[in-house]
Amino acid sequence: MGVTKSEIFTEEQNKLAVQLKAIAHPARIAILQELIKANACICGELVTELGLAQATISQHLKELKNAGLIQGTIEGVSVCYCIEPIAWKNLQNELNGLFSSYKTINSCC
C-alpha cells in the first residue's frame, strides 16, 4: 500500500492491514503457531522446529515484531520471542468484528 494512499484510511484499517500482511506468509504462521504452542518465550528452538535457516527466521520474526504481534527480550546473546498479548487480543477482536458484521442475505449477484 503506497504511503500517499494509506492516509485516506482510518488508523484502525491501516493497523489491521499491516498486521494481516505480516501474518500472510506460511513461515510466519508457523512461527506464530510455535509461539502459541510453547505458551512461553522461545529463543533458538524455532530453527530446529521449522527447519528454516536462522537468517530466514530472523527476518520473519522482524516482520512480526514490526507489526507488533510478537515481542522480544534479550537474554544473553539471544533474543527470545513470545506473542504480544494485547496486540494479539486486539487483532482477534478486530477480526471477530469484521467477520461478525457480515449478515447473510438471500439474494446477491
PDB file of N, CA and C in Angstrom:
ATOM      1  N   MET A   1       0.855  -1.165   0.000  1.00  0.00           N
ATOM      2  CA  MET A   1       0.000   0.000   0.000  1.00  0.00           C
ATOM      3  C   MET A   1       0.902   1.229   0.000  1.00  0.00           C
ATOM      4  N   GLY A   2       0.699   2.123  -0.952  1.00  0.00           N
ATOM      5  CA  GLY A   2       1.505   3.325  -1.041  1.00  0.00           C
ATOM      6  C   GLY A   2       1.271   4.248   0.137  1.00  0.00           C
ATOM      7  N   VAL A   3       2.312   4.947   0.516  1.00  0.00           N
ATOM      8  CA  VAL A   3       2.234   5.853   1.653  1.00  0.00           C
ATOM      9  C   VAL A   3       1.195   6.933   1.409  1.00  0.00           C
ATOM     10  N   THR A   4       1.123   7.430   0.190  1.00  0.00           N
ATOM     11  CA  THR A   4       0.183   8.517  -0.092  1.00  0.00           C
ATOM     12  C   THR A   4      -1.268   8.065  -0.015  1.00  0.00           C
ATOM     13  N   LYS A   5      -1.546   6.791  -0.286  1.00  0.00           N
ATOM     14  CA  LYS A   5      -2.918   6.294  -0.247  1.00  0.00           C
ATOM     15  C   LYS A   5      -3.350   5.844   1.142  1.00  0.00           C
ATOM     16  N   SER A   6      -2.431   5.439   1.975  1.00  0.00           N
ATOM     17  CA  SER A   6      -2.808   4.932   3.294  1.00  0.00           C
ATOM     18  C   SER A   6      -3.454   6.010   4.159  1.00  0.00           C
ATOM     19  N   GLU A   7      -3.200   7.261   3.856  1.00  0.00           N
ATOM     20  CA  GLU A   7      -3.756   8.340   4.668  1.00  0.00           C
ATOM     21  C   GLU A   7      -5.264   8.501   4.510  1.00  0.00           C
ATOM     22  N   ILE A   8      -5.850   7.910   3.474  1.00  0.00           N
ATOM     23  CA  ILE A   8      -7.301   8.038   3.301  1.00  0.00           C
ATOM     24  C   ILE A   8      -8.071   7.000   4.112  1.00  0.00           C
ATOM     25  N   PHE A   9      -7.349   6.084   4.753  1.00  0.00           N
ATOM     26  CA  PHE A   9      -7.982   5.054   5.568  1.00  0.00           C
ATOM     27  C   PHE A   9      -7.799   5.368   7.044  1.00  0.00           C
ATOM     28  N   THR A  10      -8.638   4.768   7.875  1.00  0.00           N
ATOM     29  CA  THR A  10      -8.540   5.026   9.309  1.00  0.00           C
ATOM     30  C   THR A  10      -7.274   4.387   9.879  1.00  0.00           C
ATOM     31  N   GLU A  11      -6.905   4.831  11.033  1.00  0.00           N
ATOM     32  CA  GLU A  11      -5.751   4.261  11.727  1.00  0.00           C
ATOM     33  C   GLU A  11      -5.962   2.768  11.986  1.00  0.00           C
ATOM     34  N   GLU A  12      -7.195   2.413  12.359  1.00  0.00           N
ATOM     35  CA  GLU A  12      -7.510   1.011  12.624  1.00  0.00           C
ATOM     36  C   GLU A  12      -7.389   0.162  11.352  1.00  0.00           C
ATOM     37  N   GLN A  13      -7.859   0.689  10.230  1.00  0.00           N
ATOM     38  CA  GLN A  13      -7.766  -0.038   8.966  1.00  0.00           C
ATOM     39  C   GLN A  13      -6.307  -0.247   8.557  1.00  0.00           C
ATOM     40  N   ASN A  14      -5.505   0.785   8.705  1.00  0.00           N
ATOM     41  CA  ASN A  14      -4.089   0.676   8.364  1.00  0.00           C
ATOM     42  C   ASN A  14      -3.366  -0.306   9.275  1.00  0.00           C
ATOM     43  N   LYS A  15      -3.673  -0.256  10.560  1.00  0.00           N
ATOM     44  CA  LYS A  15      -3.023  -1.160  11.511  1.00  0.00           C
ATOM     45  C   LYS A  15      -3.398  -2.609  11.218  1.00  0.00           C
ATOM     46  N   LEU A  16      -4.671  -2.853  10.959  1.00  0.00           N
ATOM     47  CA  LEU A  16      -5.126  -4.204  10.637  1.00  0.00           C
ATOM     48  C   LEU A  16      -4.454  -4.709   9.357  1.00  0.00           C
ATOM     49  N   ALA A  17      -4.323  -3.857   8.368  1.00  0.00           N
ATOM     50  CA  ALA A  17      -3.679  -4.241   7.110  1.00  0.00           C
ATOM     51  C   ALA A  17      -2.217  -4.616   7.338  1.00  0.00           C
ATOM     52  N   VAL A  18      -1.510  -3.863   8.157  1.00  0.00           N
ATOM     53  CA  VAL A  18      -0.108  -4.166   8.468  1.00  0.00           C
ATOM     54  C   VAL A  18       0.001  -5.507   9.180  1.00  0.00           C
ATOM     55  N   GLN A  19      -0.874  -5.743  10.149  1.00  0.00           N
ATOM     56  CA  GLN A  19      -0.821  -6.995  10.895  1.00  0.00           C
ATOM     57  C   GLN A  19      -1.167  -8.191  10.006  1.00  0.00           C
ATOM     58  N   LEU A  20      -2.179  -8.052   9.180  1.00  0.00           N
ATOM     59  CA  LEU A  20      -2.553  -9.157   8.298  1.00  0.00           C
ATOM     60  C   LEU A  20      -1.488  -9.415   7.242  1.00  0.00           C
ATOM     61  N   LYS A  21      -0.850  -8.356   6.766  1.00  0.00           N
ATOM     62  CA  LYS A  21       0.246  -8.536   5.817  1.00  0.00           C
ATOM     63  C   LYS A  21       1.399  -9.290   6.480  1.00  0.00           C
ATOM     64  N   ALA A  22       1.667  -8.991   7.741  1.00  0.00           N
ATOM     65  CA  ALA A  22       2.738  -9.682   8.465  1.00  0.00           C
ATOM     66  C   ALA A  22       2.408 -11.155   8.646  1.00  0.00           C
ATOM     67  N   ILE A  23       1.161 -11.480   8.823  1.00  0.00           N
ATOM     68  CA  ILE A  23       0.747 -12.874   9.027  1.00  0.00           C
ATOM     69  C   ILE A  23       0.686 -13.632   7.698  1.00  0.00           C
ATOM     70  N   ALA A  24       0.552 -12.920   6.602  1.00  0.00           N
ATOM     71  CA  ALA A  24       0.274 -13.544   5.306  1.00  0.00           C
ATOM     72  C   ALA A  24       1.489 -14.223   4.669  1.00  0.00           C
ATOM     73  N   HIS A  25       2.141 -15.059   5.429  1.00  0.00           N
ATOM     74  CA  HIS A  25       3.241 -15.874   4.909  1.00  0.00           C
ATOM     75  C   HIS A  25       3.238 -17.174   5.704  1.00  0.00           C
ATOM     76  N   PRO A  26       3.341 -18.311   5.031  1.00  0.00           N
ATOM     77  CA  PRO A  26       3.260 -19.590   5.763  1.00  0.00           C
ATOM     78  C   PRO A  26       4.323 -19.753   6.848  1.00  0.00           C
ATOM     79  N   ALA A  27       5.515 -19.229   6.618  1.00  0.00           N
ATOM     80  CA  ALA A  27       6.558 -19.347   7.648  1.00  0.00           C
ATOM     81  C   ALA A  27       6.182 -18.544   8.890  1.00  0.00           C
ATOM     82  N   ARG A  28       5.557 -17.396   8.695  1.00  0.00           N
ATOM     83  CA  ARG A  28       5.165 -16.562   9.846  1.00  0.00           C
ATOM     84  C   ARG A  28       4.006 -17.192  10.591  1.00  0.00           C
ATOM     85  N   ILE A  29       3.103 -17.819   9.861  1.00  0.00           N
ATOM     86  CA  ILE A  29       2.019 -18.541  10.527  1.00  0.00           C
ATOM     87  C   ILE A  29       2.606 -19.673  11.359  1.00  0.00           C
ATOM     88  N   ALA A  30       3.575 -20.393  10.796  1.00  0.00           N
ATOM     89  CA  ALA A  30       4.224 -21.482  11.537  1.00  0.00           C
ATOM     90  C   ALA A  30       4.945 -20.957  12.774  1.00  0.00           C
ATOM     91  N   ILE A  31       5.597 -19.820  12.657  1.00  0.00           N
ATOM     92  CA  ILE A  31       6.274 -19.212  13.812  1.00  0.00           C
ATOM     93  C   ILE A  31       5.261 -18.865  14.888  1.00  0.00           C
ATOM     94  N   LEU A  32       4.166 -18.223  14.493  1.00  0.00           N
ATOM     95  CA  LEU A  32       3.130 -17.865  15.460  1.00  0.00           C
ATOM     96  C   LEU A  32       2.547 -19.113  16.120  1.00  0.00           C
ATOM     97  N   GLN A  33       2.331 -20.162  15.348  1.00  0.00           N
ATOM     98  CA  GLN A  33       1.808 -21.404  15.916  1.00  0.00           C
ATOM     99  C   GLN A  33       2.777 -21.999  16.927  1.00  0.00           C
ATOM    100  N   GLU A  34       4.062 -21.938  16.655  1.00  0.00           N
ATOM    101  CA  GLU A  34       5.062 -22.448  17.606  1.00  0.00           C
ATOM    102  C   GLU A  34       5.085 -21.616  18.879  1.00  0.00           C
ATOM    103  N   LEU A  35       4.995 -20.294  18.726  1.00  0.00           N
ATOM    104  CA  LEU A  35       4.982 -19.423  19.908  1.00  0.00           C
ATOM    105  C   LEU A  35       3.738 -19.670  20.754  1.00  0.00           C
ATOM    106  N   ILE A  36       2.609 -19.863  20.093  1.00  0.00           N
ATOM    107  CA  ILE A  36       1.359 -20.133  20.811  1.00  0.00           C
ATOM    108  C   ILE A  36       1.436 -21.489  21.501  1.00  0.00           C
ATOM    109  N   LYS A  37       1.937 -22.491  20.786  1.00  0.00           N
ATOM    110  CA  LYS A  37       2.052 -23.835  21.346  1.00  0.00           C
ATOM    111  C   LYS A  37       2.973 -23.843  22.568  1.00  0.00           C
ATOM    112  N   ALA A  38       4.065 -23.104  22.498  1.00  0.00           N
ATOM    113  CA  ALA A  38       5.021 -23.060  23.616  1.00  0.00           C
ATOM    114  C   ALA A  38       4.441 -22.320  24.807  1.00  0.00           C
ATOM    115  N   ASN A  39       3.587 -21.329  24.531  1.00  0.00           N
ATOM    116  CA  ASN A  39       2.987 -20.508  25.581  1.00  0.00           C
ATOM    117  C   ASN A  39       4.050 -19.944  26.520  1.00  0.00           C
ATOM    118  N   ALA A  40       5.201 -19.605  25.938  1.00  0.00           N
ATOM    119  CA  ALA A  40       6.326 -19.037  26.685  1.00  0.00           C
ATOM    120  C   ALA A  40       7.262 -18.388  25.670  1.00  0.00           C
ATOM    121  N   CYS A  41       8.281 -17.731  26.166  1.00  0.00           N
ATOM    122  CA  CYS A  41       9.278 -17.158  25.270  1.00  0.00           C
ATOM    123  C   CYS A  41      10.123 -18.264  24.656  1.00  0.00           C
ATOM    124  N   ILE A  42      10.383 -18.128  23.363  1.00  0.00           N
ATOM    125  CA  ILE A  42      11.208 -19.091  22.632  1.00  0.00           C
ATOM    126  C   ILE A  42      12.462 -18.358  22.168  1.00  0.00           C
ATOM    127  N   CYS A  43      13.609 -18.972  22.396  1.00  0.00           N
ATOM    128  CA  CYS A  43      14.872 -18.351  21.974  1.00  0.00           C
ATOM    129  C   CYS A  43      15.398 -18.927  20.662  1.00  0.00           C
ATOM    130  N   GLY A  44      15.933 -20.124  20.676  1.00  0.00           N
ATOM    131  CA  GLY A  44      16.552 -20.655  19.480  1.00  0.00           C
ATOM    132  C   GLY A  44      15.858 -21.862  18.905  1.00  0.00           C
ATOM    133  N   GLU A  45      14.783 -22.290  19.512  1.00  0.00           N
ATOM    134  CA  GLU A  45      14.125 -23.532  19.112  1.00  0.00           C
ATOM    135  C   GLU A  45      13.445 -23.466  17.756  1.00  0.00           C
ATOM    136  N   LEU A  46      13.175 -22.280  17.247  1.00  0.00           N
ATOM    137  CA  LEU A  46      12.427 -22.155  16.000  1.00  0.00           C
ATOM    138  C   LEU A  46      13.186 -22.737  14.809  1.00  0.00           C
ATOM    139  N   VAL A  47      14.501 -22.600  14.802  1.00  0.00           N
ATOM    140  CA  VAL A  47      15.290 -23.145  13.697  1.00  0.00           C
ATOM    141  C   VAL A  47      15.115 -24.659  13.639  1.00  0.00           C
ATOM    142  N   THR A  48      15.196 -25.307  14.789  1.00  0.00           N
ATOM    143  CA  THR A  48      15.042 -26.758  14.853  1.00  0.00           C
ATOM    144  C   THR A  48      13.621 -27.173  14.503  1.00  0.00           C
ATOM    145  N   GLU A  49      12.649 -26.485  15.053  1.00  0.00           N
ATOM    146  CA  GLU A  49      11.247 -26.859  14.857  1.00  0.00           C
ATOM    147  C   GLU A  49      10.774 -26.661  13.413  1.00  0.00           C
ATOM    148  N   LEU A  50      11.212 -25.580  12.787  1.00  0.00           N
ATOM    149  CA  LEU A  50      10.685 -25.238  11.467  1.00  0.00           C
ATOM    150  C   LEU A  50      11.580 -25.680  10.314  1.00  0.00           C
ATOM    151  N   GLY A  51      12.839 -25.940  10.596  1.00  0.00           N
ATOM    152  CA  GLY A  51      13.743 -26.376   9.542  1.00  0.00           C
ATOM    153  C   GLY A  51      14.137 -25.284   8.567  1.00  0.00           C
ATOM    154  N   LEU A  52      14.022 -24.045   8.979  1.00  0.00           N
ATOM    155  CA  LEU A  52      14.439 -22.916   8.148  1.00  0.00           C
ATOM    156  C   LEU A  52      15.768 -22.370   8.664  1.00  0.00           C
ATOM    157  N   ALA A  53      16.477 -21.658   7.809  1.00  0.00           N
ATOM    158  CA  ALA A  53      17.748 -21.050   8.211  1.00  0.00           C
ATOM    159  C   ALA A  53      17.509 -19.978   9.268  1.00  0.00           C
ATOM    160  N   GLN A  54      18.494 -19.795  10.130  1.00  0.00           N
ATOM    161  CA  GLN A  54      18.402 -18.783  11.186  1.00  0.00           C
ATOM    162  C   GLN A  54      18.128 -17.404  10.601  1.00  0.00           C
ATOM    163  N   ALA A  55      18.806 -17.061   9.508  1.00  0.00           N
ATOM    164  CA  ALA A  55      18.615 -15.745   8.894  1.00  0.00           C
ATOM    165  C   ALA A  55      17.182 -15.569   8.386  1.00  0.00           C
ATOM    166  N   THR A  56      16.620 -16.631   7.839  1.00  0.00           N
ATOM    167  CA  THR A  56      15.245 -16.578   7.342  1.00  0.00           C
ATOM    168  C   THR A  56      14.271 -16.373   8.492  1.00  0.00           C
ATOM    169  N   ILE A  57      14.461 -17.132   9.552  1.00  0.00           N
ATOM    170  CA  ILE A  57      13.586 -16.995  10.716  1.00  0.00           C
ATOM    171  C   ILE A  57      13.730 -15.607  11.334  1.00  0.00           C
ATOM    172  N   SER A  58      14.945 -15.103  11.406  1.00  0.00           N
ATOM    173  CA  SER A  58      15.174 -13.764  11.957  1.00  0.00           C
ATOM    174  C   SER A  58      14.420 -12.705  11.167  1.00  0.00           C
ATOM    175  N   GLN A  59      14.423 -12.829   9.850  1.00  0.00           N
ATOM    176  CA  GLN A  59      13.707 -11.863   9.014  1.00  0.00           C
ATOM    177  C   GLN A  59      12.201 -11.939   9.259  1.00  0.00           C
ATOM    178  N   HIS A  60      11.678 -13.144   9.365  1.00  0.00           N
ATOM    179  CA  HIS A  60      10.248 -13.297   9.629  1.00  0.00           C
ATOM    180  C   HIS A  60       9.890 -12.779  11.022  1.00  0.00           C
ATOM    181  N   LEU A  61      10.731 -13.045  12.001  1.00  0.00           N
ATOM    182  CA  LEU A  61      10.499 -12.525  13.354  1.00  0.00           C
ATOM    183  C   LEU A  61      10.498 -11.003  13.357  1.00  0.00           C
ATOM    184  N   LYS A  62      11.387 -10.418  12.585  1.00  0.00           N
ATOM    185  CA  LYS A  62      11.450  -8.955  12.480  1.00  0.00           C
ATOM    186  C   LYS A  62      10.140  -8.393  11.940  1.00  0.00           C
ATOM    187  N   GLU A  63       9.594  -9.028  10.904  1.00  0.00           N
ATOM    188  CA  GLU A  63       8.325  -8.570  10.324  1.00  0.00           C
ATOM    189  C   GLU A  63       7.182  -8.677  11.337  1.00  0.00           C
ATOM    190  N   LEU A  64       7.138  -9.785  12.058  1.00  0.00           N
ATOM    191  CA  LEU A  64       6.087  -9.968  13.065  1.00  0.00           C
ATOM    192  C   LEU A  64       6.235  -8.974  14.207  1.00  0.00           C
ATOM    193  N   LYS A  65       7.467  -8.696  14.581  1.00  0.00           N
ATOM    194  CA  LYS A  65       7.706  -7.732  15.660  1.00  0.00           C
ATOM    195  C   LYS A  65       7.371  -6.315  15.203  1.00  0.00           C
ATOM    196  N   ASN A  66       7.745  -5.973  13.969  1.00  0.00           N
ATOM    197  CA  ASN A  66       7.418  -4.643  13.441  1.00  0.00           C
ATOM    198  C   ASN A  66       5.911  -4.417  13.368  1.00  0.00           C
ATOM    199  N   ALA A  67       5.174  -5.494  13.142  1.00  0.00           N
ATOM    200  CA  ALA A  67       3.709  -5.393  13.107  1.00  0.00           C
ATOM    201  C   ALA A  67       3.115  -5.369  14.508  1.00  0.00           C
ATOM    202  N   GLY A  68       3.960  -5.582  15.522  1.00  0.00           N
ATOM    203  CA  GLY A  68       3.501  -5.525  16.911  1.00  0.00           C
ATOM    204  C   GLY A  68       2.870  -6.804  17.415  1.00  0.00           C
ATOM    205  N   LEU A  69       2.950  -7.888  16.644  1.00  0.00           N
ATOM    206  CA  LEU A  69       2.276  -9.126  17.033  1.00  0.00           C
ATOM    207  C   LEU A  69       3.090  -9.978  18.001  1.00  0.00           C
ATOM    208  N   ILE A  70       4.400  -9.782  18.019  1.00  0.00           N
ATOM    209  CA  ILE A  70       5.245 -10.501  18.966  1.00  0.00           C
ATOM    210  C   ILE A  70       6.144  -9.492  19.663  1.00  0.00           C
ATOM    211  N   GLN A  71       6.719  -9.934  20.761  1.00  0.00           N
ATOM    212  CA  GLN A  71       7.671  -9.093  21.477  1.00  0.00           C
ATOM    213  C   GLN A  71       8.914  -9.917  21.762  1.00  0.00           C
ATOM    214  N   GLY A  72      10.026  -9.238  21.924  1.00  0.00           N
ATOM    215  CA  GLY A  72      11.268  -9.936  22.165  1.00  0.00           C
ATOM    216  C   GLY A  72      12.020  -9.341  23.335  1.00  0.00           C
ATOM    217  N   THR A  73      12.723 -10.209  24.031  1.00  0.00           N
ATOM    218  CA  THR A  73      13.584  -9.766  25.131  1.00  0.00           C
ATOM    219  C   THR A  73      14.971 -10.362  24.924  1.00  0.00           C
ATOM    220  N   ILE A  74      15.970  -9.617  25.300  1.00  0.00           N
ATOM    221  CA  ILE A  74      17.348 -10.072  25.150  1.00  0.00           C
ATOM    222  C   ILE A  74      17.750 -10.846  26.391  1.00  0.00           C
ATOM    223  N   GLU A  75      18.232 -12.061  26.164  1.00  0.00           N
ATOM    224  CA  GLU A  75      18.739 -12.902  27.244  1.00  0.00           C
ATOM    225  C   GLU A  75      20.120 -13.378  26.842  1.00  0.00           C
ATOM    226  N   GLY A  76      21.128 -12.742  27.377  1.00  0.00           N
ATOM    227  CA  GLY A  76      22.496 -13.072  26.993  1.00  0.00           C
ATOM    228  C   GLY A  76      22.746 -12.646  25.565  1.00  0.00           C
ATOM    229  N   VAL A  77      23.152 -13.608  24.730  1.00  0.00           N
ATOM    230  CA  VAL A  77      23.416 -13.293  23.330  1.00  0.00           C
ATOM    231  C   VAL A  77      22.218 -13.601  22.440  1.00  0.00           C
ATOM    232  N   SER A  78      21.117 -14.099  22.997  1.00  0.00           N
ATOM    233  CA  SER A  78      19.945 -14.416  22.184  1.00  0.00           C
ATOM    234  C   SER A  78      18.798 -13.467  22.463  1.00  0.00           C
ATOM    235  N   VAL A  79      17.913 -13.410  21.488  1.00  0.00           N
ATOM    236  CA  VAL A  79      16.653 -12.687  21.659  1.00  0.00           C
ATOM    237  C   VAL A  79      15.562 -13.743  21.739  1.00  0.00           C
ATOM    238  N   CYS A  80      14.757 -13.651  22.776  1.00  0.00           N
ATOM    239  CA  CYS A  80      13.658 -14.597  22.969  1.00  0.00           C
ATOM    240  C   CYS A  80      12.357 -13.898  22.599  1.00  0.00           C
ATOM    241  N   TYR A  81      11.479 -14.635  21.933  1.00  0.00           N
ATOM    242  CA  TYR A  81      10.235 -14.062  21.433  1.00  0.00           C
ATOM    243  C   TYR A  81       9.017 -14.757  22.011  1.00  0.00           C
ATOM    244  N   CYS A  82       7.933 -13.980  22.120  1.00  0.00           N
ATOM    245  CA  CYS A  82       6.645 -14.522  22.527  1.00  0.00           C
ATOM    246  C   CYS A  82       5.554 -13.648  21.915  1.00  0.00           C
ATOM    247  N   ILE A  83       4.329 -14.137  21.989  1.00  0.00           N
ATOM    248  CA  ILE A  83       3.173 -13.385  21.495  1.00  0.00           C
ATOM    249  C   ILE A  83       3.017 -12.119  22.325  1.00  0.00           C
ATOM    250  N   GLU A  84       2.690 -11.011  21.677  1.00  0.00           N
ATOM    251  CA  GLU A  84       2.387  -9.766  22.386  1.00  0.00           C
ATOM    252  C   GLU A  84       0.895  -9.830  22.711  1.00  0.00           C
ATOM    253  N   PRO A  85       0.542 -10.100  23.968  1.00  0.00           N
ATOM    254  CA  PRO A  85      -0.852 -10.435  24.297  1.00  0.00           C
ATOM    255  C   PRO A  85      -1.875  -9.350  23.996  1.00  0.00           C
ATOM    256  N   ILE A  86      -1.542  -8.104  24.211  1.00  0.00           N
ATOM    257  CA  ILE A  86      -2.518  -7.035  23.972  1.00  0.00           C
ATOM    258  C   ILE A  86      -2.783  -6.888  22.474  1.00  0.00           C
ATOM    259  N   ALA A  87      -1.718  -6.890  21.678  1.00  0.00           N
ATOM    260  CA  ALA A  87      -1.884  -6.783  20.222  1.00  0.00           C
ATOM    261  C   ALA A  87      -2.636  -7.989  19.677  1.00  0.00           C
ATOM    262  N   TRP A  88      -2.340  -9.171  20.229  1.00  0.00           N
ATOM    263  CA  TRP A  88      -2.999 -10.398  19.766  1.00  0.00           C
ATOM    264  C   TRP A  88      -4.494 -10.341  20.050  1.00  0.00           C
ATOM    265  N   LYS A  89      -4.856  -9.882  21.244  1.00  0.00           N
ATOM    266  CA  LYS A  89      -6.266  -9.773  21.620  1.00  0.00           C
ATOM    267  C   LYS A  89      -6.967  -8.726  20.754  1.00  0.00           C
ATOM    268  N   ASN A  90      -6.287  -7.603  20.504  1.00  0.00           N
ATOM    269  CA  ASN A  90      -6.874  -6.564  19.655  1.00  0.00           C
ATOM    270  C   ASN A  90      -7.102  -7.067  18.237  1.00  0.00           C
ATOM    271  N   LEU A  91      -6.138  -7.830  17.705  1.00  0.00           N
ATOM    272  CA  LEU A  91      -6.295  -8.403  16.368  1.00  0.00           C
ATOM    273  C   LEU A  91      -7.474  -9.371  16.347  1.00  0.00           C
ATOM    274  N   GLN A  92      -7.580 -10.191  17.360  1.00  0.00           N
ATOM    275  CA  GLN A  92      -8.696 -11.127  17.456  1.00  0.00           C
ATOM    276  C   GLN A  92     -10.024 -10.370  17.468  1.00  0.00           C
ATOM    277  N   ASN A  93     -10.108  -9.308  18.251  1.00  0.00           N
ATOM    278  CA  ASN A  93     -11.335  -8.515  18.330  1.00  0.00           C
ATOM    279  C   ASN A  93     -11.668  -7.856  16.987  1.00  0.00           C
ATOM    280  N   GLU A  94     -10.658  -7.316  16.319  1.00  0.00           N
ATOM    281  CA  GLU A  94     -10.877  -6.681  15.016  1.00  0.00           C
ATOM    282  C   GLU A  94     -11.415  -7.689  13.999  1.00  0.00           C
ATOM    283  N   LEU A  95     -10.793  -8.867  13.964  1.00  0.00           N
ATOM    284  CA  LEU A  95     -11.234  -9.889  13.002  1.00  0.00           C
ATOM    285  C   LEU A  95     -12.612 -10.432  13.358  1.00  0.00           C
ATOM    286  N   ASN A  96     -12.861 -10.639  14.637  1.00  0.00           N
ATOM    287  CA  ASN A  96     -14.194 -11.082  15.057  1.00  0.00           C
ATOM    288  C   ASN A  96     -15.246 -10.058  14.641  1.00  0.00           C
ATOM    289  N   GLY A  97     -14.940  -8.777  14.845  1.00  0.00           N
ATOM    290  CA  GLY A  97     -15.871  -7.711  14.464  1.00  0.00           C
ATOM    291  C   GLY A  97     -16.099  -7.668  12.966  1.00  0.00           C
ATOM    292  N   LEU A  98     -15.033  -7.833  12.205  1.00  0.00           N
ATOM    293  CA  LEU A  98     -15.150  -7.817  10.746  1.00  0.00           C
ATOM    294  C   LEU A  98     -15.999  -8.981  10.262  1.00  0.00           C
ATOM    295  N   PHE A  99     -15.698 -10.196  10.738  1.00  0.00           N
ATOM    296  CA  PHE A  99     -16.441 -11.362  10.277  1.00  0.00           C
ATOM    297  C   PHE A  99     -17.883 -11.363  10.775  1.00  0.00           C
ATOM    298  N   SER A 100     -18.115 -10.920  11.978  1.00  0.00           N
ATOM    299  CA  SER A 100     -19.479 -10.944  12.509  1.00  0.00           C
ATOM    300  C   SER A 100     -20.331  -9.805  11.946  1.00  0.00           C
ATOM    301  N   SER A 101     -19.725  -8.822  11.315  1.00  0.00           N
ATOM    302  CA  SER A 101     -20.506  -7.719  10.747  1.00  0.00           C
ATOM    303  C   SER A 101     -21.223  -8.126   9.462  1.00  0.00           C
ATOM    304  N   TYR A 102     -20.789  -9.227   8.860  1.00  0.00           N
ATOM    305  CA  TYR A 102     -21.454  -9.699   7.641  1.00  0.00           C
ATOM    306  C   TYR A 102     -22.704 -10.480   8.003  1.00  0.00           C
ATOM    307  N   LYS A 103     -23.790 -10.092   7.392  1.00  0.00           N
ATOM    308  CA  LYS A 103     -25.060 -10.795   7.596  1.00  0.00           C
ATOM    309  C   LYS A 103     -25.434 -11.477   6.286  1.00  0.00           C
ATOM    310  N   THR A 104     -25.721 -12.747   6.337  1.00  0.00           N
ATOM    311  CA  THR A 104     -26.081 -13.496   5.145  1.00  0.00           C
ATOM    312  C   THR A 104     -27.366 -12.946   4.563  1.00  0.00           C
ATOM    313  N   ILE A 105     -27.328 -12.743   3.264  1.00  0.00           N
ATOM    314  CA  ILE A 105     -28.533 -12.282   2.575  1.00  0.00           C
ATOM    315  C   ILE A 105     -28.994 -13.384   1.628  1.00  0.00           C
ATOM    316  N   ASN A 106     -30.279 -13.382   1.325  1.00  0.00           N
ATOM    317  CA  ASN A 106     -30.844 -14.450   0.499  1.00  0.00           C
ATOM    318  C   ASN A 106     -30.481 -14.297  -0.972  1.00  0.00           C
ATOM    319  N   SER A 107     -30.292 -13.093  -1.414  1.00  0.00           N
ATOM    320  CA  SER A 107     -30.081 -12.886  -2.841  1.00  0.00           C
ATOM    321  C   SER A 107     -28.948 -11.896  -3.044  1.00  0.00           C
ATOM    322  N   CYS A 108     -27.982 -12.330  -3.799  1.00  0.00           N
ATOM    323  CA  CYS A 108     -26.872 -11.440  -4.132  1.00  0.00           C
ATOM    324  C   CYS A 108     -26.269 -11.910  -5.445  1.00  0.00           C
ATOM    325  N   CYS A 109     -25.974 -10.983  -6.305  1.00  0.00           N
ATOM    326  CA  CYS A 109     -25.339 -11.262  -7.618  1.00  0.00           C
ATOM    327  C   CYS A 109     -26.017 -12.408  -8.316  1.00  0.00           C
TER     328      CYS A 109
END
